[in-house]
Amino acid sequence: MTRNMGTADRIIRTIIALVVGWLYFTNRIQGTLGLVLMVVAAVFLLTSFVSFCPAYLPFKISTKGKDSA
């Protein structure tokens, strides 16, 4: 599993997940929409922690940038 996410991508996903979590726990979003958004937020957090997004694989997308080796 090679990393395919850059720093900016990881930061943006983390911020989005934190905002969705805050909105859910302050009851600004609720019901089915709230649950779906919380699942998406959990996936965003998981993928940002491991620096790998499986959805990028079929399209050969990488936001990591070039290696300087």
C-alpha atoms as a PDB file:
ATOM      1  CA  MET A   1       0.000   0.000   0.000  1.00  0.00           C
ATOM      2  CA  THR A   2       1.919   3.024  -1.257  1.00  0.00           C
ATOM      3  CA  ARG A   3       0.994   6.468  -0.046  1.00  0.00           C
ATOM      4  CA  ASN A   4      -0.970   8.538  -2.520  1.00  0.00           C
ATOM      5  CA  MET A   5      -2.050  11.526  -0.415  1.00  0.00           C
ATOM      6  CA  GLY A   6      -0.132  14.735   0.128  1.00  0.00           C
ATOM      7  CA  THR A   7      -0.039  16.925   3.204  1.00  0.00           C
ATOM      8  CA  ALA A   8      -2.637  19.413   1.950  1.00  0.00           C
ATOM      9  CA  ASP A   9      -5.052  16.603   1.060  1.00  0.00           C
ATOM     10  CA  ARG A  10      -4.643  15.065   4.526  1.00  0.00           C
ATOM     11  CA  ILE A  11      -5.168  18.406   6.306  1.00  0.00           C
ATOM     12  CA  ILE A  12      -8.286  19.236   4.283  1.00  0.00           C
ATOM     13  CA  ARG A  13      -9.813  15.803   4.961  1.00  0.00           C
ATOM     14  CA  THR A  14      -9.084  16.104   8.687  1.00  0.00           C
ATOM     15  CA  ILE A  15     -10.648  19.571   8.893  1.00  0.00           C
ATOM     16  CA  ILE A  16     -13.754  18.410   7.014  1.00  0.00           C
ATOM     17  CA  ALA A  17     -14.095  15.381   9.325  1.00  0.00           C
ATOM     18  CA  LEU A  18     -13.742  17.545  12.439  1.00  0.00           C
ATOM     19  CA  VAL A  19     -16.331  20.048  11.185  1.00  0.00           C
ATOM     20  CA  VAL A  20     -18.811  17.268  10.338  1.00  0.00           C
ATOM     21  CA  GLY A  21     -18.234  15.705  13.774  1.00  0.00           C
ATOM     22  CA  TRP A  22     -18.816  19.047  15.472  1.00  0.00           C
ATOM     23  CA  LEU A  23     -22.004  19.643  13.454  1.00  0.00           C
ATOM     24  CA  TYR A  24     -23.292  16.178  14.309  1.00  0.00           C
ATOM     25  CA  PHE A  25     -22.583  16.350  18.033  1.00  0.00           C
ATOM     26  CA  THR A  26     -24.129  19.839  18.306  1.00  0.00           C
ATOM     27  CA  ASN A  27     -27.277  18.481  16.571  1.00  0.00           C
ATOM     28  CA  ARG A  28     -26.990  20.796  13.578  1.00  0.00           C
ATOM     29  CA  ILE A  29     -27.113  17.764  11.307  1.00  0.00           C
ATOM     30  CA  GLN A  30     -29.054  14.722  12.383  1.00  0.00           C
ATOM     31  CA  GLY A  31     -30.978  11.712  11.198  1.00  0.00           C
ATOM     32  CA  THR A  32     -29.924   9.688   8.181  1.00  0.00           C
ATOM     33  CA  LEU A  33     -27.946  12.555   6.675  1.00  0.00           C
ATOM     34  CA  GLY A  34     -26.027  12.965   9.921  1.00  0.00           C
ATOM     35  CA  LEU A  35     -25.165   9.283  10.089  1.00  0.00           C
ATOM     36  CA  VAL A  36     -24.045   9.156   6.462  1.00  0.00           C
ATOM     37  CA  LEU A  37     -21.867  12.237   6.934  1.00  0.00           C
ATOM     38  CA  MET A  38     -20.347  10.750  10.099  1.00  0.00           C
ATOM     39  CA  VAL A  39     -19.402   7.592   8.191  1.00  0.00           C
ATOM     40  CA  VAL A  40     -17.815   9.729   5.467  1.00  0.00           C
ATOM     41  CA  ALA A  41     -15.999  11.733   8.146  1.00  0.00           C
ATOM     42  CA  ALA A  42     -14.668   8.525   9.717  1.00  0.00           C
ATOM     43  CA  VAL A  43     -13.403   7.355   6.324  1.00  0.00           C
ATOM     44  CA  PHE A  44     -11.777  10.759   5.764  1.00  0.00           C
ATOM     45  CA  LEU A  45      -9.992  10.523   9.138  1.00  0.00           C
ATOM     46  CA  LEU A  46      -8.838   6.960   8.518  1.00  0.00           C
ATOM     47  CA  THR A  47      -7.511   7.706   5.044  1.00  0.00           C
ATOM     48  CA  SER A  48      -5.768  10.862   6.217  1.00  0.00           C
ATOM     49  CA  PHE A  49      -4.011   8.984   9.037  1.00  0.00           C
ATOM     50  CA  VAL A  50      -2.698   6.256   6.720  1.00  0.00           C
ATOM     51  CA  SER A  51      -2.018   8.645   3.789  1.00  0.00           C
ATOM     52  CA  PHE A  52      -3.757   6.278   1.398  1.00  0.00           C
ATOM     53  CA  CYS A  53      -7.049   6.679  -0.456  1.00  0.00           C
ATOM     54  CA  PRO A  54      -8.331   3.554  -2.241  1.00  0.00           C
ATOM     55  CA  ALA A  55     -10.652   5.680  -4.404  1.00  0.00           C
ATOM     56  CA  TYR A  56      -7.570   7.231  -6.043  1.00  0.00           C
ATOM     57  CA  LEU A  57      -6.253   3.863  -7.293  1.00  0.00           C
ATOM     58  CA  PRO A  58      -8.509   3.239 -10.327  1.00  0.00           C
ATOM     59  CA  PHE A  59      -7.776   6.751 -11.612  1.00  0.00           C
ATOM     60  CA  LYS A  60      -4.051   6.627 -10.760  1.00  0.00           C
ATOM     61  CA  ILE A  61      -4.376   9.873  -8.787  1.00  0.00           C
ATOM     62  CA  SER A  62      -1.701  10.949  -6.334  1.00  0.00           C
ATOM     63  CA  THR A  63      -1.669  14.235  -4.446  1.00  0.00           C
ATOM     64  CA  LYS A  64       1.615  13.326  -2.792  1.00  0.00           C
ATOM     65  CA  GLY A  65       3.832  15.095  -5.297  1.00  0.00           C
ATOM     66  CA  LYS A  66       7.140  13.935  -6.699  1.00  0.00           C
ATOM     67  CA  ASP A  67       9.725  12.115  -4.604  1.00  0.00           C
ATOM     68  CA  SER A  68      12.997  14.016  -4.387  1.00  0.00           C
ATOM     69  CA  ALA A  69      15.150  10.848  -4.381  1.00  0.00           C
END
